[in-house]
C-alpha atoms as a PDB file:
ATOM      1  CA  MET A   1     -10.539  -3.680 -43.939  1.00  0.00           C
ATOM      2  CA  THR A   2     -14.255  -3.781 -44.784  1.00  0.00           C
ATOM      3  CA  PRO A   3     -16.523  -0.782 -44.025  1.00  0.00           C
ATOM      4  CA  THR A   4     -18.266  -2.841 -41.340  1.00  0.00           C
ATOM      5  CA  SER A   5     -15.064  -3.787 -39.548  1.00  0.00           C
ATOM      6  CA  ALA A   6     -13.779  -0.192 -39.769  1.00  0.00           C
ATOM      7  CA  ALA A   7     -16.987   1.115 -38.239  1.00  0.00           C
ATOM      8  CA  GLU A   8     -16.837  -1.470 -35.466  1.00  0.00           C
ATOM      9  CA  LYS A   9     -13.234  -0.522 -34.744  1.00  0.00           C
ATOM     10  CA  ARG A  10     -14.268   3.131 -34.415  1.00  0.00           C
ATOM     11  CA  ARG A  11     -17.095   2.169 -32.064  1.00  0.00           C
ATOM     12  CA  GLN A  12     -14.720   0.146 -29.911  1.00  0.00           C
ATOM     13  CA  GLN A  13     -12.296   3.066 -29.785  1.00  0.00           C
ATOM     14  CA  ASN A  14     -15.104   5.446 -28.859  1.00  0.00           C
ATOM     15  CA  ARG A  15     -16.209   3.123 -26.052  1.00  0.00           C
ATOM     16  CA  ALA A  16     -12.654   2.849 -24.770  1.00  0.00           C
ATOM     17  CA  ASP A  17     -12.234   6.635 -24.901  1.00  0.00           C
ATOM     18  CA  ALA A  18     -15.500   7.197 -23.044  1.00  0.00           C
ATOM     19  CA  ARG A  19     -14.629   4.676 -20.367  1.00  0.00           C
ATOM     20  CA  ARG A  20     -11.160   6.160 -19.904  1.00  0.00           C
ATOM     21  CA  THR A  21     -12.523   9.711 -19.660  1.00  0.00           C
ATOM     22  CA  ILE A  22     -15.059   8.665 -17.030  1.00  0.00           C
ATOM     23  CA  LEU A  23     -12.392   6.899 -14.970  1.00  0.00           C
ATOM     24  CA  ASP A  24     -10.048   9.889 -15.293  1.00  0.00           C
ATOM     25  CA  ALA A  25     -12.747  12.185 -13.931  1.00  0.00           C
ATOM     26  CA  ALA A  26     -13.642   9.790 -11.124  1.00  0.00           C
ATOM     27  CA  GLU A  27      -9.982   9.471 -10.137  1.00  0.00           C
ATOM     28  CA  LEU A  28      -9.789  13.249  -9.648  1.00  0.00           C
ATOM     29  CA  LEU A  29     -13.211  13.704  -8.062  1.00  0.00           C
ATOM     30  CA  LEU A  30     -13.155  10.943  -5.454  1.00  0.00           C
ATOM     31  CA  PRO A  31     -10.262  12.310  -3.357  1.00  0.00           C
ATOM     32  CA  GLU A  32     -11.902  15.745  -3.388  1.00  0.00           C
ATOM     33  CA  VAL A  33     -15.334  14.730  -2.092  1.00  0.00           C
ATOM     34  CA  GLY A  34     -14.746  11.344  -0.453  1.00  0.00           C
ATOM     35  CA  HIS A  35     -16.762   8.157  -0.816  1.00  0.00           C
ATOM     36  CA  ASP A  36     -19.929   9.571   0.775  1.00  0.00           C
ATOM     37  CA  GLY A  37     -19.818  12.785  -1.236  1.00  0.00           C
ATOM     38  CA  PHE A  38     -19.165  11.047  -4.534  1.00  0.00           C
ATOM     39  CA  SER A  39     -22.212  10.762  -6.787  1.00  0.00           C
ATOM     40  CA  ILE A  40     -22.988  10.021 -10.402  1.00  0.00           C
ATOM     41  CA  ARG A  41     -24.541  13.486 -10.669  1.00  0.00           C
ATOM     42  CA  ARG A  42     -21.272  15.109  -9.656  1.00  0.00           C
ATOM     43  CA  LEU A  43     -19.355  12.847 -11.996  1.00  0.00           C
ATOM     44  CA  VAL A  44     -21.630  13.819 -14.894  1.00  0.00           C
ATOM     45  CA  ALA A  45     -20.801  17.471 -14.266  1.00  0.00           C
ATOM     46  CA  ARG A  46     -17.096  16.661 -14.197  1.00  0.00           C
ATOM     47  CA  CYS A  47     -16.717  14.284 -17.153  1.00  0.00           C
ATOM     48  CA  GLY A  48     -19.411  15.497 -19.557  1.00  0.00           C
ATOM     49  CA  TYR A  49     -20.970  12.073 -20.135  1.00  0.00           C
ATOM     50  CA  SER A  50     -24.579  11.386 -19.209  1.00  0.00           C
ATOM     51  CA  ALA A  51     -25.655   9.265 -16.268  1.00  0.00           C
ATOM     52  CA  PRO A  52     -27.089   6.519 -18.536  1.00  0.00           C
ATOM     53  CA  THR A  53     -23.719   6.275 -20.306  1.00  0.00           C
ATOM     54  CA  ILE A  54     -21.896   5.909 -16.994  1.00  0.00           C
ATOM     55  CA  TYR A  55     -24.377   3.277 -15.802  1.00  0.00           C
ATOM     56  CA  HIS A  56     -23.978   1.444 -19.111  1.00  0.00           C
ATOM     57  CA  TYR A  57     -20.231   1.027 -18.637  1.00  0.00           C
ATOM     58  CA  PHE A  58     -20.031   0.508 -14.872  1.00  0.00           C
ATOM     59  CA  GLY A  59     -23.462  -0.534 -13.615  1.00  0.00           C
ATOM     60  CA  ASP A  60     -23.603   1.716 -10.553  1.00  0.00           C
ATOM     61  CA  LYS A  61     -21.483   3.843  -8.240  1.00  0.00           C
ATOM     62  CA  ALA A  62     -19.974   0.809  -6.514  1.00  0.00           C
ATOM     63  CA  GLY A  63     -19.088  -0.775  -9.853  1.00  0.00           C
ATOM     64  CA  LEU A  64     -17.411   2.417 -11.006  1.00  0.00           C
ATOM     65  CA  ILE A  65     -15.288   2.696  -7.862  1.00  0.00           C
ATOM     66  CA  GLU A  66     -14.302  -0.969  -8.081  1.00  0.00           C
ATOM     67  CA  ALA A  67     -13.266  -0.540 -11.718  1.00  0.00           C
ATOM     68  CA  LEU A  68     -11.178   2.479 -10.762  1.00  0.00           C
ATOM     69  CA  LEU A  69      -9.446   0.598  -7.958  1.00  0.00           C
ATOM     70  CA  GLU A  70      -8.893  -2.577  -9.964  1.00  0.00           C
ATOM     71  CA  GLU A  71      -7.819  -1.119 -13.294  1.00  0.00           C
ATOM     72  CA  ARG A  72      -5.862   1.911 -12.183  1.00  0.00           C
ATOM     73  CA  LEU A  73      -4.628   1.971  -8.623  1.00  0.00           C
ATOM     74  CA  LEU A  74      -4.222  -1.661  -7.644  1.00  0.00           C
ATOM     75  CA  ALA A  75      -2.795  -2.561 -11.039  1.00  0.00           C
ATOM     76  CA  GLU A  76      -0.054   0.036 -10.488  1.00  0.00           C
ATOM     77  CA  LEU A  77       0.591  -1.160  -6.946  1.00  0.00           C
ATOM     78  CA  ILE A  78       0.868  -4.784  -8.052  1.00  0.00           C
ATOM     79  CA  GLU A  79       3.291  -3.793 -10.795  1.00  0.00           C
ATOM     80  CA  THR A  80       5.403  -1.947  -8.214  1.00  0.00           C
ATOM     81  CA  GLN A  81       5.518  -4.967  -5.904  1.00  0.00           C
ATOM     82  CA  GLN A  82       6.271  -7.356  -8.757  1.00  0.00           C
ATOM     83  CA  ALA A  83       9.265  -5.194  -9.664  1.00  0.00           C
ATOM     84  CA  VAL A  84      10.847  -5.779  -6.241  1.00  0.00           C
ATOM     85  CA  PRO A  85      13.655  -8.309  -6.800  1.00  0.00           C
ATOM     86  CA  CYS A  86      13.742 -11.524  -4.808  1.00  0.00           C
ATOM     87  CA  HIS A  87      16.175 -11.527  -1.892  1.00  0.00           C
ATOM     88  CA  GLU A  88      17.870 -14.527  -0.370  1.00  0.00           C
ATOM     89  CA  ASP A  89      17.187 -13.103   3.083  1.00  0.00           C
ATOM     90  CA  PRO A  90      13.417 -12.694   3.661  1.00  0.00           C
ATOM     91  CA  LEU A  91      14.143  -9.820   6.034  1.00  0.00           C
ATOM     92  CA  ASP A  92      15.824  -7.871   3.239  1.00  0.00           C
ATOM     93  CA  GLU A  93      12.900  -8.629   0.952  1.00  0.00           C
ATOM     94  CA  ALA A  94      10.407  -7.423   3.566  1.00  0.00           C
ATOM     95  CA  ARG A  95      12.286  -4.167   3.910  1.00  0.00           C
ATOM     96  CA  ALA A  96      12.436  -3.725   0.115  1.00  0.00           C
ATOM     97  CA  ARG A  97       8.715  -4.404  -0.291  1.00  0.00           C
ATOM     98  CA  PHE A  98       7.781  -2.016   2.506  1.00  0.00           C
ATOM     99  CA  ARG A  99       9.980   0.726   1.056  1.00  0.00           C
ATOM    100  CA  ALA A 100       8.472   0.214  -2.404  1.00  0.00           C
ATOM    101  CA  PHE A 101       4.952   0.470  -0.974  1.00  0.00           C
ATOM    102  CA  VAL A 102       5.743   3.704   0.874  1.00  0.00           C
ATOM    103  CA  SER A 103       7.437   5.211  -2.187  1.00  0.00           C
ATOM    104  CA  TRP A 104       4.412   4.378  -4.325  1.00  0.00           C
ATOM    105  CA  GLY A 105       2.030   6.013  -1.860  1.00  0.00           C
ATOM    106  CA  VAL A 106       4.152   9.110  -1.237  1.00  0.00           C
ATOM    107  CA  GLU A 107       4.531   9.742  -4.966  1.00  0.00           C
ATOM    108  CA  ARG A 108       0.766   9.328  -5.536  1.00  0.00           C
ATOM    109  CA  PRO A 109      -0.994  10.850  -2.492  1.00  0.00           C
ATOM    110  CA  ASN A 110      -4.371  11.238  -4.200  1.00  0.00           C
ATOM    111  CA  GLN A 111      -4.355   7.699  -5.538  1.00  0.00           C
ATOM    112  CA  TYR A 112      -3.293   6.325  -2.169  1.00  0.00           C
ATOM    113  CA  ARG A 113      -6.134   8.207  -0.496  1.00  0.00           C
ATOM    114  CA  LEU A 114      -8.534   6.449  -2.855  1.00  0.00           C
ATOM    115  CA  LEU A 115      -7.249   3.067  -1.719  1.00  0.00           C
ATOM    116  CA  THR A 116      -7.983   3.937   1.902  1.00  0.00           C
ATOM    117  CA  LEU A 117     -11.509   5.254   1.357  1.00  0.00           C
ATOM    118  CA  PRO A 118     -14.131   3.117   3.119  1.00  0.00           C
ATOM    119  CA  ARG A 119     -16.140   0.738   0.960  1.00  0.00           C
ATOM    120  CA  ASP A 120     -19.598  -0.687   1.528  1.00  0.00           C
ATOM    121  CA  GLU A 121     -19.606  -3.167   4.406  1.00  0.00           C
ATOM    122  CA  ASP A 122     -21.023  -5.942   2.240  1.00  0.00           C
ATOM    123  CA  ALA A 123     -18.576  -5.344  -0.625  1.00  0.00           C
ATOM    124  CA  ALA A 124     -16.499  -8.385  -1.530  1.00  0.00           C
ATOM    125  CA  PRO A 125     -12.691  -8.092  -1.377  1.00  0.00           C
ATOM    126  CA  LEU A 126     -11.214  -6.982  -4.669  1.00  0.00           C
ATOM    127  CA  PRO A 127      -9.094  -9.678  -6.362  1.00  0.00           C
ATOM    128  CA  SER A 128      -6.325  -7.193  -7.108  1.00  0.00           C
ATOM    129  CA  SER A 129      -6.329  -6.025  -3.496  1.00  0.00           C
ATOM    130  CA  GLU A 130      -5.805  -9.594  -2.331  1.00  0.00           C
ATOM    131  CA  LYS A 131      -2.972 -10.041  -4.832  1.00  0.00           C
ATOM    132  CA  ALA A 132      -1.232  -6.810  -3.819  1.00  0.00           C
ATOM    133  CA  LEU A 133      -1.479  -7.742  -0.144  1.00  0.00           C
ATOM    134  CA  ALA A 134      -0.120 -11.227  -0.820  1.00  0.00           C
ATOM    135  CA  LEU A 135       2.918  -9.755  -2.570  1.00  0.00           C
ATOM    136  CA  LEU A 136       3.558  -7.285   0.238  1.00  0.00           C
ATOM    137  CA  GLN A 137       3.305  -9.999   2.881  1.00  0.00           C
ATOM    138  CA  SER A 138       5.113 -12.720   0.931  1.00  0.00           C
ATOM    139  CA  PRO A 139       8.255 -12.628   3.143  1.00  0.00           C
ATOM    140  CA  TYR A 140       6.291 -13.440   6.321  1.00  0.00           C
ATOM    141  CA  GLN A 141       6.036 -17.181   5.803  1.00  0.00           C
ATOM    142  CA  ARG A 142       9.710 -17.371   4.884  1.00  0.00           C
ATOM    143  CA  LEU A 143      10.533 -15.619   8.156  1.00  0.00           C
ATOM    144  CA  VAL A 144       8.389 -18.172   9.996  1.00  0.00           C
ATOM    145  CA  GLU A 145      10.101 -21.073   8.238  1.00  0.00           C
ATOM    146  CA  ALA A 146      13.500 -19.602   9.122  1.00  0.00           C
ATOM    147  CA  GLY A 147      12.521 -19.497  12.791  1.00  0.00           C
ATOM    148  CA  ARG A 148      12.716 -15.719  12.931  1.00  0.00           C
ATOM    149  CA  LEU A 149       9.009 -14.980  13.334  1.00  0.00           C
ATOM    150  CA  PRO A 150       6.577 -16.948  15.518  1.00  0.00           C
ATOM    151  CA  GLU A 151       3.613 -18.266  13.541  1.00  0.00           C
ATOM    152  CA  GLN A 152       1.189 -16.719  16.019  1.00  0.00           C
ATOM    153  CA  ASP A 153       2.654 -13.262  15.365  1.00  0.00           C
ATOM    154  CA  VAL A 154       2.031 -13.170  11.615  1.00  0.00           C
ATOM    155  CA  GLU A 155      -1.415 -11.568  11.793  1.00  0.00           C
ATOM    156  CA  ALA A 156      -0.358  -8.984  14.361  1.00  0.00           C
ATOM    157  CA  LEU A 157       2.775  -8.170  12.372  1.00  0.00           C
ATOM    158  CA  GLY A 158       0.629  -7.571   9.303  1.00  0.00           C
ATOM    159  CA  GLN A 159      -1.503  -5.093  11.244  1.00  0.00           C
ATOM    160  CA  ALA A 160       1.576  -3.354  12.665  1.00  0.00           C
ATOM    161  CA  VAL A 161       3.075  -3.041   9.187  1.00  0.00           C
ATOM    162  CA  TRP A 162      -0.191  -1.640   7.861  1.00  0.00           C
ATOM    163  CA  ALA A 163      -0.333   0.981  10.634  1.00  0.00           C
ATOM    164  CA  CYS A 164       3.318   1.961  10.212  1.00  0.00           C
ATOM    165  CA  LEU A 165       3.336   2.216   6.419  1.00  0.00           C
ATOM    166  CA  HIS A 166       0.030   4.066   6.374  1.00  0.00           C
ATOM    167  CA  GLY A 167       1.435   6.656   8.762  1.00  0.00           C
ATOM    168  CA  LEU A 168       4.594   7.071   6.704  1.00  0.00           C
ATOM    169  CA  ILE A 169       2.471   7.790   3.626  1.00  0.00           C
ATOM    170  CA  ALA A 170      -0.494   9.697   5.036  1.00  0.00           C
ATOM    171  CA  LEU A 171       1.152  12.031   7.561  1.00  0.00           C
ATOM    172  CA  PRO A 172       3.521  13.786   5.126  1.00  0.00           C
ATOM    173  CA  ALA A 173       0.570  14.267   2.765  1.00  0.00           C
ATOM    174  CA  ILE A 174      -1.622  15.993   5.364  1.00  0.00           C
ATOM    175  CA  ARG A 175       1.238  17.820   7.138  1.00  0.00           C
ATOM    176  CA  PRO A 176       3.518  19.163   4.413  1.00  0.00           C
ATOM    177  CA  ASP A 177       4.533  21.931   6.828  1.00  0.00           C
ATOM    178  CA  VAL A 178       6.556  19.443   8.905  1.00  0.00           C
ATOM    179  CA  GLN A 179      10.213  18.927   8.036  1.00  0.00           C
ATOM    180  CA  TRP A 180      10.125  15.132   7.990  1.00  0.00           C
ATOM    181  CA  ALA A 181      13.427  13.402   8.728  1.00  0.00           C
ATOM    182  CA  SER A 182      15.215  12.089   5.656  1.00  0.00           C
ATOM    183  CA  GLU A 183      15.757   8.687   7.297  1.00  0.00           C
ATOM    184  CA  LEU A 184      12.220   8.399   8.658  1.00  0.00           C
ATOM    185  CA  VAL A 185      11.099   5.600   6.349  1.00  0.00           C
ATOM    186  CA  GLU A 186      14.245   3.495   6.687  1.00  0.00           C
ATOM    187  CA  ARG A 187      14.507   3.847  10.461  1.00  0.00           C
ATOM    188  CA  SER A 188      10.792   3.282  11.062  1.00  0.00           C
ATOM    189  CA  ILE A 189      10.747   0.081   9.021  1.00  0.00           C
ATOM    190  CA  ASP A 190      13.875  -1.177  10.748  1.00  0.00           C
ATOM    191  CA  ALA A 191      12.492  -0.368  14.206  1.00  0.00           C
ATOM    192  CA  LEU A 192       9.281  -2.210  13.373  1.00  0.00           C
ATOM    193  CA  LEU A 193      11.131  -5.311  12.248  1.00  0.00           C
ATOM    194  CA  ILE A 194      13.508  -5.235  15.216  1.00  0.00           C
ATOM    195  CA  GLY A 195      10.552  -5.319  17.592  1.00  0.00           C
ATOM    196  CA  TRP A 196       8.632  -8.087  15.877  1.00  0.00           C
ATOM    197  CA  LEU A 197      11.575 -10.340  15.152  1.00  0.00           C
ATOM    198  CA  ALA A 198      12.835 -10.283  18.737  1.00  0.00           C
ATOM    199  CA  LYS A 199      12.047 -13.332  20.862  1.00  0.00           C
ATOM    200  CA  PRO A 200       8.453 -12.999  22.109  1.00  0.00           C
ATOM    201  CA  THR A 201       9.419 -14.033  25.655  1.00  0.00           C
ATOM    202  CA  SER A 202      11.821 -11.133  26.102  1.00  0.00           C
ATOM    203  CA  ARG A 203      11.280  -8.571  23.352  1.00  0.00           C
ATOM    204  CA  SER A 204      12.633  -5.710  25.448  1.00  0.00           C
ATOM    205  CA  GLN A 205      15.930  -7.497  26.109  1.00  0.00           C
ATOM    206  CA  ALA A 206      16.450  -9.434  22.895  1.00  0.00           C
ATOM    207  CA  ALA A 207      19.243  -8.257  20.632  1.00  0.00           C
ATOM    208  CA  PRO A 208      18.143  -7.047  17.199  1.00  0.00           C
ATOM    209  CA  PRO A 209      18.929  -9.186  14.164  1.00  0.00           C
ATOM    210  CA  SER A 210      22.512  -8.644  13.052  1.00  0.00           C
ATOM    211  CA  SER A 211      21.429  -7.128   9.757  1.00  0.00           C
ATOM    212  CA  LEU A 212      19.494  -4.452  11.652  1.00  0.00           C
ATOM    213  CA  ARG A 213      21.957  -3.529  14.402  1.00  0.00           C
ATOM    214  CA  ALA A 214      23.456  -0.841  12.231  1.00  0.00           C
ATOM    215  CA  VAL A 215      20.303   1.262  12.529  1.00  0.00           C
ATOM    216  CA  GLN A 216      20.777   1.732  16.284  1.00  0.00           C
ATOM    217  CA  PRO A 217      22.966   4.639  17.386  1.00  0.00           C
ATOM    218  CA  ALA A 218      26.332   3.354  18.597  1.00  0.00           C
ATOM    219  CA  SER A 219      25.966   5.284  21.860  1.00  0.00           C
ATOM    220  CA  SER A 220      22.740   3.508  22.776  1.00  0.00           C
ATOM    221  CA  VAL A 221      24.220   0.086  22.014  1.00  0.00           C
ATOM    222  CA  THR A 222      27.274   0.864  24.144  1.00  0.00           C
ATOM    223  CA  SER A 223      25.188   2.082  27.085  1.00  0.00           C
ATOM    224  CA  ILE A 224      23.030  -1.037  27.009  1.00  0.00           C
ATOM    225  CA  GLN A 225      26.087  -3.272  26.926  1.00  0.00           C
ATOM    226  CA  ARG A 226      27.686  -1.308  29.799  1.00  0.00           C
ATOM    227  CA  ALA A 227      24.561  -1.622  31.949  1.00  0.00           C
ATOM    228  CA  HIS A 228      24.374  -5.348  31.297  1.00  0.00           C
ATOM    229  CA  SER A 229      28.039  -5.742  32.230  1.00  0.00           C
ATOM    230  CA  GLN A 230      27.493  -3.976  35.557  1.00  0.00           C
ATOM    231  CA  GLU A 231      24.493  -6.174  36.381  1.00  0.00           C
ATOM    232  CA  THR A 232      26.528  -9.337  35.897  1.00  0.00           C
ATOM    233  CA  LYS A 233      29.418  -8.245  38.133  1.00  0.00           C
END
């Protein structure tokens, strides 16, 4: 290795170290102060690098936050979703993907909080965010093609899933004093899918998919069947 190439390699390593240190500090600071309270001045005090150095690597505050989301948080989330094995039944795959998402968020409460921080209104969607969402929602079209989910319900289902999974992640993080039920995640996901995969014309009366009936208490199933039998006599 020539002296020039060795020096260049050291410079590249120094740049990589500086960038990593800045992102490490930002990853810790952002959940503490929130998007509005986050500033380059505060980051300088936390990471030890000057403002010009931070601007050199990331451009501005928005560029820094986007780099943090893209390179750290969303990359991990995508890797988690890609690790979910394919299932022959799209319903089973949906459940597996939802569980993986909740597990990722529960194990990384600070990182998850970063993902939910508001961004500038004119900010373009992050490519990695779009990819992660596509992986999470990949079973939806298969459910439509199988005749188990009406096409017009796909968007609403996506919003319902978002609300449910967010609650399963965020509430335990902000209320650690609550003794959360051990089956909360499984039962909540199943209840969500039962509701959305029932026939839209009679959701309240439709029987749940066979693969989900096991989540209902036997007593409630029996009482429903008994009431129906009495009505038909």
